[in-house]
């Protein structure tokens, strides 16, 4: 993120990152790294990571934490490779619960990160990088 982009984020706007969740706690590490980078680049703590299932906090609790921190607007970013059923069906229902509980707060759903050309290019670059170590699978 450029410095001008960081300074253009209103001080009352939070960022809610939304991932699927898993039973294995190690699964969350990449998403926690994304949240940490967002916090560092924004220069504040108005970033929350939430999960659909198996992990905490869930989306409603993550959104409520940002509202409690003084956010009057929250951008919700699905950390999904595509807009499948969870993004198209489950997420809007959860956002409706948040909106109903906090009518003065503007919740904005952004596209799934996997639909952005920057991420598609990054994944292709990693896939084509044959210098990465192999992962044992047997």
N, C-alpha and C. Protein backbone atom coordinates (compact mmCIF):
# COMPACT_ATOMS: atom_id res chain seq x y z
N UNK A 1 0.85 -1.17 0.00
CA UNK A 1 0.00 0.00 0.00
C UNK A 1 0.89 1.23 0.00
N UNK A 2 0.56 2.18 -0.82
CA UNK A 2 1.36 3.40 -0.88
C UNK A 2 1.07 4.29 0.31
N UNK A 3 2.00 5.20 0.58
CA UNK A 3 1.79 6.10 1.71
C UNK A 3 0.55 6.96 1.51
N UNK A 4 0.30 7.40 0.27
CA UNK A 4 -0.89 8.21 0.03
C UNK A 4 -2.16 7.40 0.26
N UNK A 5 -2.13 6.10 -0.05
CA UNK A 5 -3.30 5.26 0.21
C UNK A 5 -3.52 5.10 1.70
N UNK A 6 -2.43 4.98 2.47
CA UNK A 6 -2.58 4.84 3.92
C UNK A 6 -3.18 6.09 4.54
N UNK A 7 -2.74 7.25 4.08
CA UNK A 7 -3.24 8.47 4.68
C UNK A 7 -4.66 8.78 4.25
N UNK A 8 -5.15 8.12 3.18
CA UNK A 8 -6.50 8.39 2.73
C UNK A 8 -7.55 7.55 3.45
N UNK A 9 -7.12 6.61 4.30
CA UNK A 9 -8.06 5.80 5.06
C UNK A 9 -8.59 6.65 6.22
N UNK A 10 -9.89 6.89 6.26
CA UNK A 10 -10.42 7.69 7.37
C UNK A 10 -10.12 7.01 8.71
N UNK A 11 -9.88 7.82 9.72
CA UNK A 11 -9.48 7.29 11.03
C UNK A 11 -10.58 6.48 11.71
N UNK A 12 -11.79 6.55 11.19
CA UNK A 12 -12.89 5.79 11.81
C UNK A 12 -13.26 4.54 11.00
N UNK A 13 -12.43 4.18 10.01
CA UNK A 13 -12.73 3.03 9.17
C UNK A 13 -11.89 1.83 9.57
N UNK A 14 -12.57 0.72 9.86
CA UNK A 14 -11.88 -0.51 10.21
C UNK A 14 -11.82 -1.46 9.03
N UNK A 15 -10.96 -2.45 9.15
CA UNK A 15 -10.79 -3.48 8.12
C UNK A 15 -11.04 -4.82 8.78
N UNK A 16 -12.04 -5.55 8.27
CA UNK A 16 -12.40 -6.85 8.80
C UNK A 16 -12.07 -7.91 7.75
N UNK A 17 -11.03 -8.69 8.01
CA UNK A 17 -10.60 -9.76 7.13
C UNK A 17 -11.37 -11.02 7.51
N UNK A 18 -11.91 -11.71 6.52
CA UNK A 18 -12.78 -12.85 6.78
C UNK A 18 -12.25 -14.08 6.07
N UNK A 19 -11.90 -15.12 6.85
CA UNK A 19 -11.37 -16.36 6.30
C UNK A 19 -12.29 -17.52 6.70
N UNK A 20 -12.07 -18.67 6.09
CA UNK A 20 -12.94 -19.82 6.31
C UNK A 20 -12.81 -20.40 7.72
N UNK A 21 -11.58 -20.69 8.14
CA UNK A 21 -11.36 -21.36 9.42
C UNK A 21 -11.11 -22.84 9.22
N UNK A 22 -10.45 -23.45 10.19
CA UNK A 22 -10.14 -24.88 10.12
C UNK A 22 -9.93 -25.39 11.54
N UNK A 23 -9.94 -26.70 11.69
CA UNK A 23 -9.69 -27.28 13.02
C UNK A 23 -8.22 -27.18 13.42
N UNK A 24 -7.32 -27.18 12.45
CA UNK A 24 -5.88 -27.12 12.71
C UNK A 24 -5.46 -25.66 12.90
N UNK A 25 -4.97 -25.30 14.07
CA UNK A 25 -4.58 -23.91 14.32
C UNK A 25 -3.49 -23.40 13.38
N UNK A 26 -2.65 -24.30 12.86
CA UNK A 26 -1.58 -23.88 11.94
C UNK A 26 -2.15 -23.32 10.65
N UNK A 27 -3.36 -23.73 10.29
CA UNK A 27 -3.98 -23.26 9.06
C UNK A 27 -4.13 -21.74 9.05
N UNK A 28 -4.30 -21.13 10.21
CA UNK A 28 -4.57 -19.69 10.29
C UNK A 28 -3.32 -18.83 10.11
N UNK A 29 -2.14 -19.42 10.18
CA UNK A 29 -0.91 -18.61 10.15
C UNK A 29 -0.82 -17.65 8.96
N UNK A 30 -1.09 -18.08 7.74
CA UNK A 30 -1.00 -17.12 6.63
C UNK A 30 -1.99 -15.96 6.76
N UNK A 31 -3.15 -16.25 7.29
CA UNK A 31 -4.17 -15.20 7.45
C UNK A 31 -3.78 -14.24 8.57
N UNK A 32 -3.20 -14.78 9.63
CA UNK A 32 -2.69 -13.91 10.69
C UNK A 32 -1.57 -13.03 10.17
N UNK A 33 -0.74 -13.55 9.26
CA UNK A 33 0.32 -12.75 8.66
C UNK A 33 -0.26 -11.63 7.80
N UNK A 34 -1.33 -11.92 7.08
CA UNK A 34 -1.99 -10.88 6.28
C UNK A 34 -2.51 -9.78 7.20
N UNK A 35 -3.17 -10.17 8.28
CA UNK A 35 -3.70 -9.18 9.22
C UNK A 35 -2.57 -8.34 9.82
N UNK A 36 -1.47 -8.99 10.19
CA UNK A 36 -0.34 -8.25 10.76
C UNK A 36 0.23 -7.25 9.76
N UNK A 37 0.34 -7.65 8.50
CA UNK A 37 0.85 -6.73 7.47
C UNK A 37 -0.10 -5.57 7.25
N UNK A 38 -1.40 -5.86 7.27
CA UNK A 38 -2.38 -4.78 7.12
C UNK A 38 -2.27 -3.79 8.27
N UNK A 39 -2.14 -4.29 9.50
CA UNK A 39 -1.98 -3.41 10.66
C UNK A 39 -0.73 -2.54 10.52
N UNK A 40 0.36 -3.18 10.12
CA UNK A 40 1.62 -2.44 9.98
C UNK A 40 1.53 -1.39 8.88
N UNK A 41 0.94 -1.74 7.76
CA UNK A 41 0.85 -0.78 6.65
C UNK A 41 -0.13 0.34 6.94
N UNK A 42 -1.19 0.03 7.67
CA UNK A 42 -2.15 1.08 8.04
C UNK A 42 -1.62 1.93 9.18
N UNK A 43 -0.77 1.31 10.00
CA UNK A 43 -0.22 2.04 11.14
C UNK A 43 -1.18 2.15 12.31
N UNK A 44 -2.14 1.22 12.38
CA UNK A 44 -3.08 1.25 13.50
C UNK A 44 -3.62 -0.15 13.77
N UNK A 45 -4.41 -0.27 14.79
CA UNK A 45 -4.96 -1.57 15.16
C UNK A 45 -6.38 -1.79 14.70
N UNK A 46 -6.85 -0.99 13.75
CA UNK A 46 -8.25 -1.11 13.30
C UNK A 46 -8.40 -2.19 12.24
N UNK A 47 -7.72 -3.33 12.48
CA UNK A 47 -7.80 -4.48 11.59
C UNK A 47 -8.16 -5.69 12.44
N UNK A 48 -9.18 -6.42 12.02
CA UNK A 48 -9.58 -7.64 12.73
C UNK A 48 -9.62 -8.79 11.73
N UNK A 49 -9.26 -9.97 12.22
CA UNK A 49 -9.34 -11.19 11.44
C UNK A 49 -10.44 -12.04 12.06
N UNK A 50 -11.37 -12.50 11.23
CA UNK A 50 -12.50 -13.31 11.71
C UNK A 50 -12.65 -14.53 10.82
N UNK A 51 -13.36 -15.53 11.35
CA UNK A 51 -13.49 -16.81 10.67
C UNK A 51 -14.94 -17.25 10.57
N UNK A 52 -15.23 -18.02 9.53
CA UNK A 52 -16.57 -18.55 9.33
C UNK A 52 -16.87 -19.68 10.32
N UNK A 53 -15.90 -20.58 10.51
CA UNK A 53 -16.15 -21.72 11.38
C UNK A 53 -14.86 -22.24 11.98
N UNK A 54 -14.99 -22.99 13.05
CA UNK A 54 -13.91 -23.70 13.74
C UNK A 54 -12.95 -22.80 14.52
N UNK A 55 -12.85 -21.53 14.21
CA UNK A 55 -11.88 -20.64 14.85
C UNK A 55 -12.59 -19.38 15.33
N UNK A 56 -11.96 -18.72 16.25
CA UNK A 56 -12.51 -17.47 16.79
C UNK A 56 -11.53 -16.33 16.51
N UNK A 57 -12.08 -15.14 16.40
CA UNK A 57 -13.49 -14.77 16.53
C UNK A 57 -14.25 -15.05 15.24
N UNK A 58 -15.56 -15.13 15.37
CA UNK A 58 -16.37 -15.22 14.17
C UNK A 58 -16.57 -13.82 13.60
N UNK A 59 -17.25 -13.72 12.47
CA UNK A 59 -17.39 -12.43 11.79
C UNK A 59 -18.12 -11.41 12.66
N UNK A 60 -19.17 -11.83 13.33
CA UNK A 60 -19.93 -10.88 14.16
C UNK A 60 -19.05 -10.35 15.30
N UNK A 61 -18.33 -11.23 15.98
CA UNK A 61 -17.45 -10.78 17.08
C UNK A 61 -16.33 -9.89 16.56
N UNK A 62 -15.76 -10.22 15.40
CA UNK A 62 -14.71 -9.38 14.82
C UNK A 62 -15.23 -8.00 14.47
N UNK A 63 -16.42 -7.95 13.89
CA UNK A 63 -17.04 -6.66 13.56
C UNK A 63 -17.38 -5.86 14.79
N UNK A 64 -17.89 -6.53 15.80
CA UNK A 64 -18.23 -5.82 17.04
C UNK A 64 -16.99 -5.27 17.74
N UNK A 65 -15.86 -5.97 17.63
CA UNK A 65 -14.62 -5.46 18.21
C UNK A 65 -14.20 -4.16 17.53
N UNK A 66 -14.37 -4.08 16.21
CA UNK A 66 -14.02 -2.85 15.50
C UNK A 66 -14.98 -1.72 15.85
N UNK A 67 -16.26 -2.04 15.99
CA UNK A 67 -17.23 -1.03 16.40
C UNK A 67 -16.88 -0.52 17.80
N UNK A 68 -16.53 -1.44 18.70
CA UNK A 68 -16.15 -1.05 20.07
C UNK A 68 -14.89 -0.18 20.07
N UNK A 69 -14.05 -0.35 19.05
CA UNK A 69 -12.82 0.46 18.95
C UNK A 69 -13.09 1.83 18.33
N UNK A 70 -14.36 2.11 18.01
CA UNK A 70 -14.72 3.43 17.50
C UNK A 70 -14.90 3.52 16.01
N UNK A 71 -14.89 2.41 15.31
CA UNK A 71 -15.07 2.45 13.86
C UNK A 71 -16.53 2.72 13.53
N UNK A 72 -16.76 3.67 12.63
CA UNK A 72 -18.12 3.96 12.17
C UNK A 72 -18.32 3.44 10.74
N UNK A 73 -17.25 2.89 10.17
CA UNK A 73 -17.30 2.25 8.87
C UNK A 73 -16.35 1.05 8.93
N UNK A 74 -16.74 -0.04 8.30
CA UNK A 74 -15.92 -1.25 8.31
C UNK A 74 -15.95 -1.85 6.90
N UNK A 75 -14.76 -2.01 6.32
CA UNK A 75 -14.61 -2.70 5.04
C UNK A 75 -14.38 -4.17 5.34
N UNK A 76 -15.19 -5.03 4.75
CA UNK A 76 -15.10 -6.47 4.97
C UNK A 76 -14.47 -7.11 3.73
N UNK A 77 -13.33 -7.77 3.92
CA UNK A 77 -12.59 -8.36 2.81
C UNK A 77 -12.55 -9.88 2.98
N UNK A 78 -13.23 -10.62 2.12
CA UNK A 78 -13.17 -12.07 2.18
C UNK A 78 -11.81 -12.57 1.69
N UNK A 79 -11.11 -13.31 2.54
CA UNK A 79 -9.82 -13.89 2.16
C UNK A 79 -10.07 -15.26 1.56
N UNK A 80 -10.84 -15.27 0.50
CA UNK A 80 -11.23 -16.47 -0.23
C UNK A 80 -10.71 -16.34 -1.66
N UNK A 81 -10.38 -17.47 -2.29
CA UNK A 81 -9.88 -17.42 -3.67
C UNK A 81 -10.99 -17.13 -4.67
N UNK A 82 -12.21 -17.40 -4.31
CA UNK A 82 -13.33 -17.11 -5.18
C UNK A 82 -14.58 -16.83 -4.37
N UNK A 83 -15.59 -16.36 -5.06
CA UNK A 83 -16.85 -16.02 -4.39
C UNK A 83 -17.81 -17.20 -4.50
N UNK A 84 -17.53 -18.27 -3.73
CA UNK A 84 -18.41 -19.42 -3.69
C UNK A 84 -19.56 -19.18 -2.73
N UNK A 85 -20.17 -20.26 -2.29
CA UNK A 85 -21.35 -20.17 -1.43
C UNK A 85 -21.12 -19.44 -0.13
N UNK A 86 -19.95 -19.62 0.48
CA UNK A 86 -19.69 -18.93 1.74
C UNK A 86 -19.69 -17.41 1.56
N UNK A 87 -19.10 -16.94 0.46
CA UNK A 87 -19.03 -15.50 0.21
C UNK A 87 -20.36 -14.97 -0.29
N UNK A 88 -21.03 -15.73 -1.15
CA UNK A 88 -22.28 -15.25 -1.74
C UNK A 88 -23.49 -15.43 -0.84
N UNK A 89 -23.47 -16.45 0.04
CA UNK A 89 -24.67 -16.75 0.84
C UNK A 89 -24.45 -16.55 2.33
N UNK A 90 -23.41 -17.17 2.89
CA UNK A 90 -23.19 -17.10 4.34
C UNK A 90 -22.77 -15.71 4.80
N UNK A 91 -21.83 -15.13 4.09
CA UNK A 91 -21.30 -13.82 4.49
C UNK A 91 -22.36 -12.72 4.51
N UNK A 92 -23.20 -12.59 3.49
CA UNK A 92 -24.24 -11.55 3.56
C UNK A 92 -25.18 -11.72 4.76
N UNK A 93 -25.48 -12.95 5.16
CA UNK A 93 -26.34 -13.16 6.33
C UNK A 93 -25.65 -12.68 7.61
N UNK A 94 -24.36 -12.97 7.72
CA UNK A 94 -23.60 -12.51 8.89
C UNK A 94 -23.49 -10.99 8.91
N UNK A 95 -23.25 -10.41 7.74
CA UNK A 95 -23.18 -8.94 7.67
C UNK A 95 -24.52 -8.30 8.01
N UNK A 96 -25.60 -8.93 7.61
CA UNK A 96 -26.92 -8.40 7.95
C UNK A 96 -27.12 -8.38 9.46
N UNK A 97 -26.63 -9.41 10.16
CA UNK A 97 -26.71 -9.43 11.63
C UNK A 97 -25.93 -8.27 12.23
N UNK A 98 -24.72 -8.05 11.71
CA UNK A 98 -23.90 -6.94 12.20
C UNK A 98 -24.59 -5.60 11.93
N UNK A 99 -25.11 -5.44 10.71
CA UNK A 99 -25.76 -4.18 10.35
C UNK A 99 -26.98 -3.92 11.22
N UNK A 100 -27.74 -4.97 11.49
CA UNK A 100 -28.92 -4.81 12.34
C UNK A 100 -28.53 -4.41 13.76
N UNK A 101 -27.45 -4.99 14.26
CA UNK A 101 -27.00 -4.67 15.62
C UNK A 101 -26.34 -3.29 15.71
N UNK A 102 -25.82 -2.81 14.58
CA UNK A 102 -25.09 -1.53 14.56
C UNK A 102 -25.53 -0.71 13.35
N UNK A 103 -26.76 -0.18 13.38
CA UNK A 103 -27.29 0.52 12.21
C UNK A 103 -26.54 1.80 11.86
N UNK A 104 -25.83 2.38 12.79
CA UNK A 104 -25.10 3.62 12.51
C UNK A 104 -23.74 3.36 11.85
N UNK A 105 -23.36 2.10 11.76
CA UNK A 105 -22.06 1.75 11.17
C UNK A 105 -22.28 1.30 9.73
N UNK A 106 -21.40 1.76 8.83
CA UNK A 106 -21.48 1.36 7.42
C UNK A 106 -20.55 0.17 7.20
N UNK A 107 -21.12 -1.00 6.88
CA UNK A 107 -20.36 -2.20 6.56
C UNK A 107 -20.34 -2.34 5.04
N UNK A 108 -19.15 -2.40 4.47
CA UNK A 108 -19.00 -2.50 3.02
C UNK A 108 -18.31 -3.82 2.68
N UNK A 109 -18.97 -4.64 1.89
CA UNK A 109 -18.41 -5.92 1.46
C UNK A 109 -17.59 -5.69 0.20
N UNK A 110 -16.33 -6.06 0.25
CA UNK A 110 -15.44 -5.95 -0.90
C UNK A 110 -15.33 -7.32 -1.57
N UNK A 111 -14.84 -7.37 -2.80
CA UNK A 111 -14.73 -8.67 -3.51
C UNK A 111 -13.73 -9.60 -2.82
N UNK A 112 -13.90 -10.90 -3.05
CA UNK A 112 -12.95 -11.89 -2.55
C UNK A 112 -11.57 -11.59 -3.13
N UNK A 113 -10.54 -11.75 -2.30
CA UNK A 113 -9.18 -11.38 -2.73
C UNK A 113 -8.73 -12.18 -3.94
N UNK A 114 -9.20 -13.41 -4.09
CA UNK A 114 -8.79 -14.24 -5.21
C UNK A 114 -9.28 -13.75 -6.55
N UNK A 115 -10.19 -12.80 -6.56
CA UNK A 115 -10.69 -12.25 -7.81
C UNK A 115 -9.88 -11.06 -8.29
N UNK A 116 -8.88 -10.66 -7.50
CA UNK A 116 -8.05 -9.51 -7.86
C UNK A 116 -6.87 -9.98 -8.72
N UNK A 117 -6.60 -9.28 -9.80
CA UNK A 117 -5.52 -9.65 -10.73
C UNK A 117 -4.16 -9.70 -10.03
N UNK A 118 -3.95 -8.87 -9.03
CA UNK A 118 -2.67 -8.88 -8.32
C UNK A 118 -2.43 -10.23 -7.65
N UNK A 119 -3.46 -10.78 -7.02
CA UNK A 119 -3.31 -12.08 -6.36
C UNK A 119 -3.19 -13.20 -7.39
N UNK A 120 -3.93 -13.13 -8.46
CA UNK A 120 -3.84 -14.14 -9.51
C UNK A 120 -2.41 -14.16 -10.06
N UNK A 121 -1.84 -12.98 -10.32
CA UNK A 121 -0.46 -12.90 -10.81
C UNK A 121 0.52 -13.47 -9.79
N UNK A 122 0.31 -13.16 -8.51
CA UNK A 122 1.22 -13.67 -7.47
C UNK A 122 1.15 -15.19 -7.38
N UNK A 123 -0.05 -15.76 -7.46
CA UNK A 123 -0.18 -17.22 -7.40
C UNK A 123 0.47 -17.87 -8.61
N UNK A 124 0.32 -17.28 -9.79
CA UNK A 124 0.96 -17.82 -10.98
C UNK A 124 2.48 -17.77 -10.84
N UNK A 125 2.98 -16.69 -10.29
CA UNK A 125 4.43 -16.55 -10.08
C UNK A 125 4.95 -17.63 -9.14
N UNK A 126 4.25 -17.87 -8.06
CA UNK A 126 4.66 -18.91 -7.11
C UNK A 126 4.57 -20.29 -7.76
N UNK A 127 3.51 -20.54 -8.52
CA UNK A 127 3.35 -21.84 -9.17
C UNK A 127 4.47 -22.11 -10.18
N UNK A 128 4.94 -21.07 -10.84
CA UNK A 128 5.98 -21.23 -11.86
C UNK A 128 7.39 -21.23 -11.28
N UNK A 129 7.53 -20.94 -9.99
CA UNK A 129 8.84 -20.88 -9.34
C UNK A 129 9.27 -22.29 -8.98
N UNK A 130 10.13 -22.89 -9.82
CA UNK A 130 10.54 -24.27 -9.56
C UNK A 130 11.74 -24.37 -8.63
N UNK A 131 12.17 -23.26 -8.03
CA UNK A 131 13.28 -23.30 -7.08
C UNK A 131 12.80 -23.49 -5.65
N UNK A 132 11.50 -23.50 -5.45
CA UNK A 132 10.96 -23.72 -4.11
C UNK A 132 11.15 -25.18 -3.72
N UNK A 133 11.36 -25.45 -2.44
CA UNK A 133 11.56 -26.85 -2.03
C UNK A 133 10.28 -27.66 -2.20
N UNK A 134 10.48 -28.94 -2.44
CA UNK A 134 9.34 -29.85 -2.54
C UNK A 134 8.76 -30.12 -1.16
N UNK A 135 7.48 -30.41 -1.13
CA UNK A 135 6.80 -30.75 0.11
C UNK A 135 6.53 -32.26 0.10
N UNK A 136 7.00 -32.97 1.11
CA UNK A 136 6.74 -34.42 1.11
C UNK A 136 5.23 -34.68 1.23
N UNK A 137 4.74 -35.61 0.47
CA UNK A 137 3.31 -35.90 0.50
C UNK A 137 3.02 -37.37 0.77
N UNK A 138 4.03 -38.17 0.87
CA UNK A 138 3.80 -39.60 1.14
C UNK A 138 4.19 -39.94 2.55
